[in-house]
Structure formats: C-alpha cells, structure tokens
mmCIF file of all heavy atoms, coordinates in Angstrom:
data_MODEL
# 
_entry.id   MODEL 
# 
loop_
_atom_site.group_PDB 
_atom_site.id 
_atom_site.type_symbol 
_atom_site.label_atom_id 
_atom_site.label_alt_id 
_atom_site.label_comp_id 
_atom_site.label_asym_id 
_atom_site.label_entity_id 
_atom_site.label_seq_id 
_atom_site.pdbx_PDB_ins_code 
_atom_site.Cartn_x 
_atom_site.Cartn_y 
_atom_site.Cartn_z 
_atom_site.occupancy 
_atom_site.B_iso_or_equiv 
_atom_site.pdbx_formal_charge 
_atom_site.auth_seq_id 
_atom_site.auth_comp_id 
_atom_site.auth_asym_id 
_atom_site.auth_atom_id 
_atom_site.pdbx_PDB_model_num 
ATOM 1   N N   . THR A 1 1  ? 121.903 98.048  89.191  1.00 0.00 ? 1  THR A N   1 
ATOM 2   C CA  . THR A 1 1  ? 121.551 99.438  89.324  1.00 0.00 ? 1  THR A CA  1 
ATOM 3   C C   . THR A 1 1  ? 120.479 99.728  90.367  1.00 0.00 ? 1  THR A C   1 
ATOM 4   O O   . THR A 1 1  ? 120.369 100.848 90.821  1.00 0.00 ? 1  THR A O   1 
ATOM 5   C CB  . THR A 1 1  ? 121.034 99.986  87.991  1.00 0.00 ? 1  THR A CB  1 
ATOM 6   O OG1 . THR A 1 1  ? 119.849 99.180  87.557  1.00 0.00 ? 1  THR A OG1 1 
ATOM 7   C CG2 . THR A 1 1  ? 122.130 99.851  86.955  1.00 0.00 ? 1  THR A CG2 1 
ATOM 8   N N   . VAL A 1 2  ? 119.769 98.616  90.842  1.00 0.00 ? 2  VAL A N   1 
ATOM 9   C CA  . VAL A 1 2  ? 118.715 98.663  91.824  1.00 0.00 ? 2  VAL A CA  1 
ATOM 10  C C   . VAL A 1 2  ? 119.041 97.847  92.879  1.00 0.00 ? 2  VAL A C   1 
ATOM 11  O O   . VAL A 1 2  ? 118.202 97.220  93.549  1.00 0.00 ? 2  VAL A O   1 
ATOM 12  C CB  . VAL A 1 2  ? 117.334 98.609  91.264  1.00 0.00 ? 2  VAL A CB  1 
ATOM 13  C CG1 . VAL A 1 2  ? 116.854 99.622  90.327  1.00 0.00 ? 2  VAL A CG1 1 
ATOM 14  C CG2 . VAL A 1 2  ? 117.206 97.136  90.532  1.00 0.00 ? 2  VAL A CG2 1 
ATOM 15  N N   . GLU A 1 3  ? 120.305 97.672  93.255  1.00 0.00 ? 3  GLU A N   1 
ATOM 16  C CA  . GLU A 1 3  ? 120.775 96.717  94.241  1.00 0.00 ? 3  GLU A CA  1 
ATOM 17  C C   . GLU A 1 3  ? 120.200 97.047  95.590  1.00 0.00 ? 3  GLU A C   1 
ATOM 18  O O   . GLU A 1 3  ? 119.858 96.133  96.284  1.00 0.00 ? 3  GLU A O   1 
ATOM 19  C CB  . GLU A 1 3  ? 122.308 96.846  94.423  1.00 0.00 ? 3  GLU A CB  1 
ATOM 20  C CG  . GLU A 1 3  ? 122.996 96.006  95.312  1.00 0.00 ? 3  GLU A CG  1 
ATOM 21  C CD  . GLU A 1 3  ? 124.402 95.975  95.358  1.00 0.00 ? 3  GLU A CD  1 
ATOM 22  O OE1 . GLU A 1 3  ? 125.030 96.889  94.660  1.00 0.00 ? 3  GLU A OE1 1 
ATOM 23  O OE2 . GLU A 1 3  ? 125.162 95.214  96.058  1.00 0.00 ? 3  GLU A OE2 1 
ATOM 24  N N   . ASP A 1 4  ? 119.969 98.327  95.988  1.00 0.00 ? 4  ASP A N   1 
ATOM 25  C CA  . ASP A 1 4  ? 119.489 98.682  97.171  1.00 0.00 ? 4  ASP A CA  1 
ATOM 26  C C   . ASP A 1 4  ? 117.985 98.200  97.417  1.00 0.00 ? 4  ASP A C   1 
ATOM 27  O O   . ASP A 1 4  ? 117.544 97.942  98.449  1.00 0.00 ? 4  ASP A O   1 
ATOM 28  C CB  . ASP A 1 4  ? 119.523 100.231 97.458  1.00 0.00 ? 4  ASP A CB  1 
ATOM 29  C CG  . ASP A 1 4  ? 120.926 100.779 97.722  1.00 0.00 ? 4  ASP A CG  1 
ATOM 30  O OD1 . ASP A 1 4  ? 121.749 99.894  98.030  1.00 0.00 ? 4  ASP A OD1 1 
ATOM 31  O OD2 . ASP A 1 4  ? 121.206 101.835 97.622  1.00 0.00 ? 4  ASP A OD2 1 
ATOM 32  N N   . TYR A 1 5  ? 117.304 98.230  96.288  1.00 0.00 ? 5  TYR A N   1 
ATOM 33  C CA  . TYR A 1 5  ? 115.926 97.710  96.296  1.00 0.00 ? 5  TYR A CA  1 
ATOM 34  C C   . TYR A 1 5  ? 115.849 96.338  96.706  1.00 0.00 ? 5  TYR A C   1 
ATOM 35  O O   . TYR A 1 5  ? 115.005 95.921  97.666  1.00 0.00 ? 5  TYR A O   1 
ATOM 36  C CB  . TYR A 1 5  ? 115.379 97.917  94.911  1.00 0.00 ? 5  TYR A CB  1 
ATOM 37  C CG  . TYR A 1 5  ? 114.022 97.273  94.629  1.00 0.00 ? 5  TYR A CG  1 
ATOM 38  C CD1 . TYR A 1 5  ? 112.744 97.670  95.308  1.00 0.00 ? 5  TYR A CD1 1 
ATOM 39  C CD2 . TYR A 1 5  ? 113.808 96.141  93.864  1.00 0.00 ? 5  TYR A CD2 1 
ATOM 40  C CE1 . TYR A 1 5  ? 111.560 97.131  95.077  1.00 0.00 ? 5  TYR A CE1 1 
ATOM 41  C CE2 . TYR A 1 5  ? 112.651 95.402  93.645  1.00 0.00 ? 5  TYR A CE2 1 
ATOM 42  C CZ  . TYR A 1 5  ? 111.452 95.973  94.253  1.00 0.00 ? 5  TYR A CZ  1 
ATOM 43  O OH  . TYR A 1 5  ? 110.304 95.407  94.031  1.00 0.00 ? 5  TYR A OH  1 
ATOM 44  N N   . TYR A 1 6  ? 116.680 95.429  96.108  1.00 0.00 ? 6  TYR A N   1 
ATOM 45  C CA  . TYR A 1 6  ? 116.641 94.018  96.538  1.00 0.00 ? 6  TYR A CA  1 
ATOM 46  C C   . TYR A 1 6  ? 117.210 93.785  97.851  1.00 0.00 ? 6  TYR A C   1 
ATOM 47  O O   . TYR A 1 6  ? 116.861 92.897  98.549  1.00 0.00 ? 6  TYR A O   1 
ATOM 48  C CB  . TYR A 1 6  ? 117.345 93.199  95.450  1.00 0.00 ? 6  TYR A CB  1 
ATOM 49  C CG  . TYR A 1 6  ? 116.771 93.146  94.104  1.00 0.00 ? 6  TYR A CG  1 
ATOM 50  C CD1 . TYR A 1 6  ? 117.226 93.840  93.022  1.00 0.00 ? 6  TYR A CD1 1 
ATOM 51  C CD2 . TYR A 1 6  ? 115.547 92.590  93.928  1.00 0.00 ? 6  TYR A CD2 1 
ATOM 52  C CE1 . TYR A 1 6  ? 116.540 93.971  91.737  1.00 0.00 ? 6  TYR A CE1 1 
ATOM 53  C CE2 . TYR A 1 6  ? 114.865 92.580  92.736  1.00 0.00 ? 6  TYR A CE2 1 
ATOM 54  C CZ  . TYR A 1 6  ? 115.368 93.269  91.629  1.00 0.00 ? 6  TYR A CZ  1 
ATOM 55  O OH  . TYR A 1 6  ? 114.728 93.221  90.437  1.00 0.00 ? 6  TYR A OH  1 
ATOM 56  N N   . ASN A 1 7  ? 118.275 94.521  98.291  1.00 0.00 ? 7  ASN A N   1 
ATOM 57  C CA  . ASN A 1 7  ? 118.744 94.502  99.679  1.00 0.00 ? 7  ASN A CA  1 
ATOM 58  C C   . ASN A 1 7  ? 117.697 94.897  100.717 1.00 0.00 ? 7  ASN A C   1 
ATOM 59  O O   . ASN A 1 7  ? 117.601 94.304  101.721 1.00 0.00 ? 7  ASN A O   1 
ATOM 60  C CB  . ASN A 1 7  ? 119.939 95.403  99.824  1.00 0.00 ? 7  ASN A CB  1 
ATOM 61  C CG  . ASN A 1 7  ? 121.181 94.876  99.021  1.00 0.00 ? 7  ASN A CG  1 
ATOM 62  O OD1 . ASN A 1 7  ? 121.223 93.693  98.614  1.00 0.00 ? 7  ASN A OD1 1 
ATOM 63  N ND2 . ASN A 1 7  ? 122.252 95.735  98.858  1.00 0.00 ? 7  ASN A ND2 1 
ATOM 64  N N   . THR A 1 8  ? 116.936 95.784  100.294 1.00 0.00 ? 8  THR A N   1 
ATOM 65  C CA  . THR A 1 8  ? 115.764 96.157  101.275 1.00 0.00 ? 8  THR A CA  1 
ATOM 66  C C   . THR A 1 8  ? 114.799 95.044  101.362 1.00 0.00 ? 8  THR A C   1 
ATOM 67  O O   . THR A 1 8  ? 114.322 94.731  102.526 1.00 0.00 ? 8  THR A O   1 
ATOM 68  C CB  . THR A 1 8  ? 115.003 97.468  100.648 1.00 0.00 ? 8  THR A CB  1 
ATOM 69  O OG1 . THR A 1 8  ? 115.981 98.532  100.629 1.00 0.00 ? 8  THR A OG1 1 
ATOM 70  C CG2 . THR A 1 8  ? 113.872 97.861  101.608 1.00 0.00 ? 8  THR A CG2 1 
ATOM 71  N N   . ILE A 1 9  ? 114.451 94.343  100.253 1.00 0.00 ? 9  ILE A N   1 
ATOM 72  C CA  . ILE A 1 9  ? 113.488 93.204  100.343 1.00 0.00 ? 9  ILE A CA  1 
ATOM 73  C C   . ILE A 1 9  ? 114.199 92.107  101.180 1.00 0.00 ? 9  ILE A C   1 
ATOM 74  O O   . ILE A 1 9  ? 113.417 91.577  102.003 1.00 0.00 ? 9  ILE A O   1 
ATOM 75  C CB  . ILE A 1 9  ? 113.230 92.681  98.881  1.00 0.00 ? 9  ILE A CB  1 
ATOM 76  C CG1 . ILE A 1 9  ? 112.329 93.761  98.159  1.00 0.00 ? 9  ILE A CG1 1 
ATOM 77  C CG2 . ILE A 1 9  ? 112.479 91.413  99.085  1.00 0.00 ? 9  ILE A CG2 1 
ATOM 78  C CD1 . ILE A 1 9  ? 112.137 93.400  96.669  1.00 0.00 ? 9  ILE A CD1 1 
ATOM 79  N N   . ARG A 1 10 ? 115.411 91.914  100.978 1.00 0.00 ? 10 ARG A N   1 
ATOM 80  C CA  . ARG A 1 10 ? 116.139 90.858  101.814 1.00 0.00 ? 10 ARG A CA  1 
ATOM 81  C C   . ARG A 1 10 ? 115.986 91.163  103.266 1.00 0.00 ? 10 ARG A C   1 
ATOM 82  O O   . ARG A 1 10 ? 115.782 90.363  104.119 1.00 0.00 ? 10 ARG A O   1 
ATOM 83  C CB  . ARG A 1 10 ? 117.563 90.827  101.293 1.00 0.00 ? 10 ARG A CB  1 
ATOM 84  C CG  . ARG A 1 10 ? 118.416 89.818  102.038 1.00 0.00 ? 10 ARG A CG  1 
ATOM 85  C CD  . ARG A 1 10 ? 119.876 90.063  101.808 1.00 0.00 ? 10 ARG A CD  1 
ATOM 86  N NE  . ARG A 1 10 ? 120.424 91.309  102.304 1.00 0.00 ? 10 ARG A NE  1 
ATOM 87  C CZ  . ARG A 1 10 ? 121.469 91.933  101.890 1.00 0.00 ? 10 ARG A CZ  1 
ATOM 88  N NH1 . ARG A 1 10 ? 122.306 91.395  100.940 1.00 0.00 ? 10 ARG A NH1 1 
ATOM 89  N NH2 . ARG A 1 10 ? 121.904 93.035  102.479 1.00 0.00 ? 10 ARG A NH2 1 
ATOM 90  N N   . THR A 1 11 ? 116.363 92.503  103.538 1.00 0.00 ? 11 THR A N   1 
ATOM 91  C CA  . THR A 1 11 ? 116.366 92.861  104.997 1.00 0.00 ? 11 THR A CA  1 
ATOM 92  C C   . THR A 1 11 ? 114.891 92.640  105.620 1.00 0.00 ? 11 THR A C   1 
ATOM 93  O O   . THR A 1 11 ? 114.809 92.227  106.722 1.00 0.00 ? 11 THR A O   1 
ATOM 94  C CB  . THR A 1 11 ? 116.798 94.390  105.131 1.00 0.00 ? 11 THR A CB  1 
ATOM 95  O OG1 . THR A 1 11 ? 118.061 94.440  104.585 1.00 0.00 ? 11 THR A OG1 1 
ATOM 96  C CG2 . THR A 1 11 ? 116.740 94.769  106.561 1.00 0.00 ? 11 THR A CG2 1 
ATOM 97  N N   . ASN A 1 12 ? 113.911 93.138  104.861 1.00 0.00 ? 12 ASN A N   1 
ATOM 98  C CA  . ASN A 1 12 ? 112.630 92.989  105.308 1.00 0.00 ? 12 ASN A CA  1 
ATOM 99  C C   . ASN A 1 12 ? 112.195 91.523  105.614 1.00 0.00 ? 12 ASN A C   1 
ATOM 100 O O   . ASN A 1 12 ? 111.456 91.106  106.608 1.00 0.00 ? 12 ASN A O   1 
ATOM 101 C CB  . ASN A 1 12 ? 111.525 93.581  104.317 1.00 0.00 ? 12 ASN A CB  1 
ATOM 102 C CG  . ASN A 1 12 ? 111.570 95.097  104.410 1.00 0.00 ? 12 ASN A CG  1 
ATOM 103 O OD1 . ASN A 1 12 ? 112.014 95.632  105.448 1.00 0.00 ? 12 ASN A OD1 1 
ATOM 104 N ND2 . ASN A 1 12 ? 111.204 95.622  103.325 1.00 0.00 ? 12 ASN A ND2 1 
ATOM 105 N N   . ILE A 1 13 ? 112.703 90.674  104.760 1.00 0.00 ? 13 ILE A N   1 
ATOM 106 C CA  . ILE A 1 13 ? 112.402 89.201  104.948 1.00 0.00 ? 13 ILE A CA  1 
ATOM 107 C C   . ILE A 1 13 ? 113.125 88.730  106.245 1.00 0.00 ? 13 ILE A C   1 
ATOM 108 O O   . ILE A 1 13 ? 112.543 88.005  107.031 1.00 0.00 ? 13 ILE A O   1 
ATOM 109 C CB  . ILE A 1 13 ? 112.800 88.400  103.656 1.00 0.00 ? 13 ILE A CB  1 
ATOM 110 C CG1 . ILE A 1 13 ? 111.910 88.669  102.507 1.00 0.00 ? 13 ILE A CG1 1 
ATOM 111 C CG2 . ILE A 1 13 ? 112.812 86.863  103.991 1.00 0.00 ? 13 ILE A CG2 1 
ATOM 112 C CD1 . ILE A 1 13 ? 112.337 88.074  101.225 1.00 0.00 ? 13 ILE A CD1 1 
ATOM 113 N N   . ILE A 1 14 ? 114.368 89.068  106.366 1.00 0.00 ? 14 ILE A N   1 
ATOM 114 C CA  . ILE A 1 14 ? 115.178 88.659  107.551 1.00 0.00 ? 14 ILE A CA  1 
ATOM 115 C C   . ILE A 1 14 ? 114.552 89.176  108.831 1.00 0.00 ? 14 ILE A C   1 
ATOM 116 O O   . ILE A 1 14 ? 114.413 88.381  109.847 1.00 0.00 ? 14 ILE A O   1 
ATOM 117 C CB  . ILE A 1 14 ? 116.544 89.187  107.400 1.00 0.00 ? 14 ILE A CB  1 
ATOM 118 C CG1 . ILE A 1 14 ? 117.330 88.492  106.283 1.00 0.00 ? 14 ILE A CG1 1 
ATOM 119 C CG2 . ILE A 1 14 ? 117.325 88.890  108.746 1.00 0.00 ? 14 ILE A CG2 1 
ATOM 120 C CD1 . ILE A 1 14 ? 118.654 89.025  106.046 1.00 0.00 ? 14 ILE A CD1 1 
ATOM 121 N N   . LEU A 1 15 ? 113.937 90.410  108.818 1.00 0.00 ? 15 LEU A N   1 
ATOM 122 C CA  . LEU A 1 15 ? 113.382 90.995  110.014 1.00 0.00 ? 15 LEU A CA  1 
ATOM 123 C C   . LEU A 1 15 ? 111.941 90.309  110.394 1.00 0.00 ? 15 LEU A C   1 
ATOM 124 O O   . LEU A 1 15 ? 111.655 90.446  111.401 1.00 0.00 ? 15 LEU A O   1 
ATOM 125 C CB  . LEU A 1 15 ? 113.201 92.497  109.753 1.00 0.00 ? 15 LEU A CB  1 
ATOM 126 C CG  . LEU A 1 15 ? 114.337 93.333  109.673 1.00 0.00 ? 15 LEU A CG  1 
ATOM 127 C CD1 . LEU A 1 15 ? 114.022 94.754  109.347 1.00 0.00 ? 15 LEU A CD1 1 
ATOM 128 C CD2 . LEU A 1 15 ? 115.095 93.271  110.939 1.00 0.00 ? 15 LEU A CD2 1 
ATOM 129 N N   . LYS A 1 16 ? 111.531 89.419  109.525 1.00 0.00 ? 16 LYS A N   1 
ATOM 130 C CA  . LYS A 1 16 ? 110.305 88.703  109.863 1.00 0.00 ? 16 LYS A CA  1 
ATOM 131 C C   . LYS A 1 16 ? 110.647 87.699  110.880 1.00 0.00 ? 16 LYS A C   1 
ATOM 132 O O   . LYS A 1 16 ? 109.813 87.224  111.625 1.00 0.00 ? 16 LYS A O   1 
ATOM 133 C CB  . LYS A 1 16 ? 109.810 87.891  108.560 1.00 0.00 ? 16 LYS A CB  1 
ATOM 134 C CG  . LYS A 1 16 ? 109.210 88.756  107.635 1.00 0.00 ? 16 LYS A CG  1 
ATOM 135 C CD  . LYS A 1 16 ? 107.783 89.033  107.739 1.00 0.00 ? 16 LYS A CD  1 
ATOM 136 C CE  . LYS A 1 16 ? 107.189 89.732  106.572 1.00 0.00 ? 16 LYS A CE  1 
ATOM 137 N NZ  . LYS A 1 16 ? 105.671 89.967  106.803 1.00 0.00 ? 16 LYS A NZ  1 
ATOM 138 N N   . ASN A 1 17 ? 111.963 87.372  111.063 1.00 0.00 ? 17 ASN A N   1 
ATOM 139 C CA  . ASN A 1 17 ? 112.485 86.407  112.126 1.00 0.00 ? 17 ASN A CA  1 
ATOM 140 C C   . ASN A 1 17 ? 111.794 85.079  111.974 1.00 0.00 ? 17 ASN A C   1 
ATOM 141 O O   . ASN A 1 17 ? 111.482 84.509  112.923 1.00 0.00 ? 17 ASN A O   1 
ATOM 142 C CB  . ASN A 1 17 ? 112.231 87.090  113.507 1.00 0.00 ? 17 ASN A CB  1 
ATOM 143 C CG  . ASN A 1 17 ? 113.154 86.385  114.531 1.00 0.00 ? 17 ASN A CG  1 
ATOM 144 O OD1 . ASN A 1 17 ? 114.177 86.020  114.212 1.00 0.00 ? 17 ASN A OD1 1 
ATOM 145 N ND2 . ASN A 1 17 ? 112.656 86.399  115.870 1.00 0.00 ? 17 ASN A ND2 1 
ATOM 146 N N   . LYS A 1 18 ? 111.666 84.665  110.814 1.00 0.00 ? 18 LYS A N   1 
ATOM 147 C CA  . LYS A 1 18 ? 111.032 83.395  110.509 1.00 0.00 ? 18 LYS A CA  1 
ATOM 148 C C   . LYS A 1 18 ? 112.055 82.442  110.260 1.00 0.00 ? 18 LYS A C   1 
ATOM 149 O O   . LYS A 1 18 ? 113.199 82.650  109.717 1.00 0.00 ? 18 LYS A O   1 
ATOM 150 C CB  . LYS A 1 18 ? 109.992 83.363  109.387 1.00 0.00 ? 18 LYS A CB  1 
ATOM 151 C CG  . LYS A 1 18 ? 108.956 84.450  109.411 1.00 0.00 ? 18 LYS A CG  1 
ATOM 152 C CD  . LYS A 1 18 ? 107.874 83.923  110.381 1.00 0.00 ? 18 LYS A CD  1 
ATOM 153 C CE  . LYS A 1 18 ? 106.687 84.893  110.381 1.00 0.00 ? 18 LYS A CE  1 
ATOM 154 N NZ  . LYS A 1 18 ? 105.573 84.406  111.275 1.00 0.00 ? 18 LYS A NZ  1 
ATOM 155 N N   . ASN A 1 19 ? 111.763 80.993  110.481 1.00 0.00 ? 19 ASN A N   1 
ATOM 156 C CA  . ASN A 1 19 ? 112.753 80.142  110.270 1.00 0.00 ? 19 ASN A CA  1 
ATOM 157 C C   . ASN A 1 19 ? 112.456 79.441  108.881 1.00 0.00 ? 19 ASN A C   1 
ATOM 158 O O   . ASN A 1 19 ? 111.832 78.587  108.682 1.00 0.00 ? 19 ASN A O   1 
ATOM 159 C CB  . ASN A 1 19 ? 112.606 78.926  111.351 1.00 0.00 ? 19 ASN A CB  1 
ATOM 160 C CG  . ASN A 1 19 ? 113.621 77.824  111.036 1.00 0.00 ? 19 ASN A CG  1 
ATOM 161 O OD1 . ASN A 1 19 ? 114.700 78.091  110.460 1.00 0.00 ? 19 ASN A OD1 1 
ATOM 162 N ND2 . ASN A 1 19 ? 113.390 76.632  111.603 1.00 0.00 ? 19 ASN A ND2 1 
ATOM 163 N N   . PHE A 1 20 ? 112.969 80.095  107.780 1.00 0.00 ? 20 PHE A N   1 
ATOM 164 C CA  . PHE A 1 20 ? 112.778 79.765  106.393 1.00 0.00 ? 20 PHE A CA  1 
ATOM 165 C C   . PHE A 1 20 ? 113.995 79.201  105.837 1.00 0.00 ? 20 PHE A C   1 
ATOM 166 O O   . PHE A 1 20 ? 115.097 79.653  106.073 1.00 0.00 ? 20 PHE A O   1 
ATOM 167 C CB  . PHE A 1 20 ? 112.182 80.928  105.707 1.00 0.00 ? 20 PHE A CB  1 
ATOM 168 C CG  . PHE A 1 20 ? 113.041 82.170  105.660 1.00 0.00 ? 20 PHE A CG  1 
ATOM 169 C CD1 . PHE A 1 20 ? 114.087 82.307  104.662 1.00 0.00 ? 20 PHE A CD1 1 
ATOM 170 C CD2 . PHE A 1 20 ? 112.870 83.125  106.561 1.00 0.00 ? 20 PHE A CD2 1 
ATOM 171 C CE1 . PHE A 1 20 ? 114.840 83.382  104.709 1.00 0.00 ? 20 PHE A CE1 1 
ATOM 172 C CE2 . PHE A 1 20 ? 113.644 84.276  106.536 1.00 0.00 ? 20 PHE A CE2 1 
ATOM 173 C CZ  . PHE A 1 20 ? 114.663 84.406  105.583 1.00 0.00 ? 20 PHE A CZ  1 
ATOM 174 N N   . LYS A 1 21 ? 113.768 78.343  104.924 1.00 0.00 ? 21 LYS A N   1 
ATOM 175 C CA  . LYS A 1 21 ? 114.811 77.724  104.104 1.00 0.00 ? 21 LYS A CA  1 
ATOM 176 C C   . LYS A 1 21 ? 114.607 77.557  102.629 1.00 0.00 ? 21 LYS A C   1 
ATOM 177 O O   . LYS A 1 21 ? 115.308 77.860  101.824 1.00 0.00 ? 21 LYS A O   1 
ATOM 178 C CB  . LYS A 1 21 ? 115.321 76.457  104.693 1.00 0.00 ? 21 LYS A CB  1 
ATOM 179 C CG  . LYS A 1 21 ? 116.609 75.915  104.053 1.00 0.00 ? 21 LYS A CG  1 
ATOM 180 C CD  . LYS A 1 21 ? 117.189 74.688  104.763 1.00 0.00 ? 21 LYS A CD  1 
ATOM 181 C CE  . LYS A 1 21 ? 118.466 74.234  104.206 1.00 0.00 ? 21 LYS A CE  1 
ATOM 182 N NZ  . LYS A 1 21 ? 119.205 73.231  104.973 1.00 0.00 ? 21 LYS A NZ  1 
ATOM 183 N N   . THR A 1 22 ? 113.304 77.116  102.383 1.00 0.00 ? 22 THR A N   1 
ATOM 184 C CA  . THR A 1 22 ? 112.895 76.948  100.985 1.00 0.00 ? 22 THR A CA  1 
ATOM 185 C C   . THR A 1 22 ? 111.780 77.964  100.754 1.00 0.00 ? 22 THR A C   1 
ATOM 186 O O   . THR A 1 22 ? 110.758 77.906  101.357 1.00 0.00 ? 22 THR A O   1 
ATOM 187 C CB  . THR A 1 22 ? 112.364 75.498  100.703 1.00 0.00 ? 22 THR A CB  1 
ATOM 188 O OG1 . THR A 1 22 ? 111.433 75.153  101.751 1.00 0.00 ? 22 THR A OG1 1 
ATOM 189 C CG2 . THR A 1 22 ? 113.479 74.565  100.692 1.00 0.00 ? 22 THR A CG2 1 
ATOM 190 N N   . ILE A 1 23 ? 111.970 78.871  99.829  1.00 0.00 ? 23 ILE A N   1 
ATOM 191 C CA  . ILE A 1 23 ? 111.000 79.921  99.550  1.00 0.00 ? 23 ILE A CA  1 
ATOM 192 C C   . ILE A 1 23 ? 110.377 79.683  98.119  1.00 0.00 ? 23 ILE A C   1 
ATOM 193 O O   . ILE A 1 23 ? 111.237 79.601  97.085  1.00 0.00 ? 23 ILE A O   1 
ATOM 194 C CB  . ILE A 1 23 ? 111.678 81.271  99.607  1.00 0.00 ? 23 ILE A CB  1 
ATOM 195 C CG1 . ILE A 1 23 ? 112.204 81.526  100.983 1.00 0.00 ? 23 ILE A CG1 1 
ATOM 196 C CG2 . ILE A 1 23 ? 110.563 82.315  99.321  1.00 0.00 ? 23 ILE A CG2 1 
ATOM 197 C CD1 . ILE A 1 23 ? 112.975 82.944  101.119 1.00 0.00 ? 23 ILE A CD1 1 
ATOM 198 N N   . VAL A 1 24 ? 109.148 79.550  97.957  1.00 0.00 ? 24 VAL A N   1 
ATOM 199 C CA  . VAL A 1 24 ? 108.610 79.529  96.692  1.00 0.00 ? 24 VAL A CA  1 
ATOM 200 C C   . VAL A 1 24 ? 108.243 80.914  96.128  1.00 0.00 ? 24 VAL A C   1 
ATOM 201 O O   . VAL A 1 24 ? 107.666 81.680  96.883  1.00 0.00 ? 24 VAL A O   1 
ATOM 202 C CB  . VAL A 1 24 ? 107.359 78.603  96.649  1.00 0.00 ? 24 VAL A CB  1 
ATOM 203 C CG1 . VAL A 1 24 ? 106.231 79.139  97.473  1.00 0.00 ? 24 VAL A CG1 1 
ATOM 204 C CG2 . VAL A 1 24 ? 106.824 78.425  95.165  1.00 0.00 ? 24 VAL A CG2 1 
ATOM 205 N N   . ALA A 1 25 ? 108.541 81.255  94.953  1.00 0.00 ? 25 ALA A N   1 
ATOM 206 C CA  . ALA A 1 25 ? 108.322 82.576  94.405  1.00 0.00 ? 25 ALA A CA  1 
ATOM 207 C C   . ALA A 1 25 ? 107.225 82.304  93.224  1.00 0.00 ? 25 ALA A C   1 
ATOM 208 O O   . ALA A 1 25 ? 107.437 81.719  92.334  1.00 0.00 ? 25 ALA A O   1 
ATOM 209 C CB  . ALA A 1 25 ? 109.661 83.217  93.732  1.00 0.00 ? 25 ALA A CB  1 
ATOM 210 N N   . THR A 1 26 ? 106.150 83.010  93.618  1.00 0.00 ? 26 THR A N   1 
ATOM 211 C CA  . THR A 1 26 ? 105.012 82.863  92.667  1.00 0.00 ? 26 THR A CA  1 
ATOM 212 C C   . THR A 1 26 ? 104.310 84.242  92.371  1.00 0.00 ? 26 THR A C   1 
ATOM 213 O O   . THR A 1 26 ? 104.750 85.236  93.020  1.00 0.00 ? 26 THR A O   1 
ATOM 214 C CB  . THR A 1 26 ? 103.919 81.703  93.133  1.00 0.00 ? 26 THR A CB  1 
ATOM 215 O OG1 . THR A 1 26 ? 102.976 81.548  92.143  1.00 0.00 ? 26 THR A OG1 1 
ATOM 216 C CG2 . THR A 1 26 ? 103.355 82.239  94.451  1.00 0.00 ? 26 THR A CG2 1 
ATOM 217 N N   . SER A 1 27 ? 103.251 84.220  91.627  1.00 0.00 ? 27 SER A N   1 
ATOM 218 C CA  . SER A 1 27 ? 102.518 85.425  91.258  1.00 0.00 ? 27 SER A CA  1 
ATOM 219 C C   . SER A 1 27 ? 101.029 85.166  91.189  1.00 0.00 ? 27 SER A C   1 
ATOM 220 O O   . SER A 1 27 ? 100.693 83.945  91.120  1.00 0.00 ? 27 SER A O   1 
ATOM 221 C CB  . SER A 1 27 ? 102.960 86.065  89.991  1.00 0.00 ? 27 SER A CB  1 
ATOM 222 O OG  . SER A 1 27 ? 102.983 85.109  88.978  1.00 0.00 ? 27 SER A OG  1 
# 
C-alpha cells in the first residue's frame, strides 16, 4: 500500500551513485 514510499527510498539510494553491495540496517 506504500510501495511508492519504498521506491522513493530506493531511488534516493541509487542517486547517491555509491558503489554499495552490503548494506547494514540499524537504528
């Protein structure tokens, strides 16, 4: 139901233009 929200996060990460492969998710 909030697919666009996560797609926006994905796009913002891609636009960082970083060479990433392993991402740690923490808080």
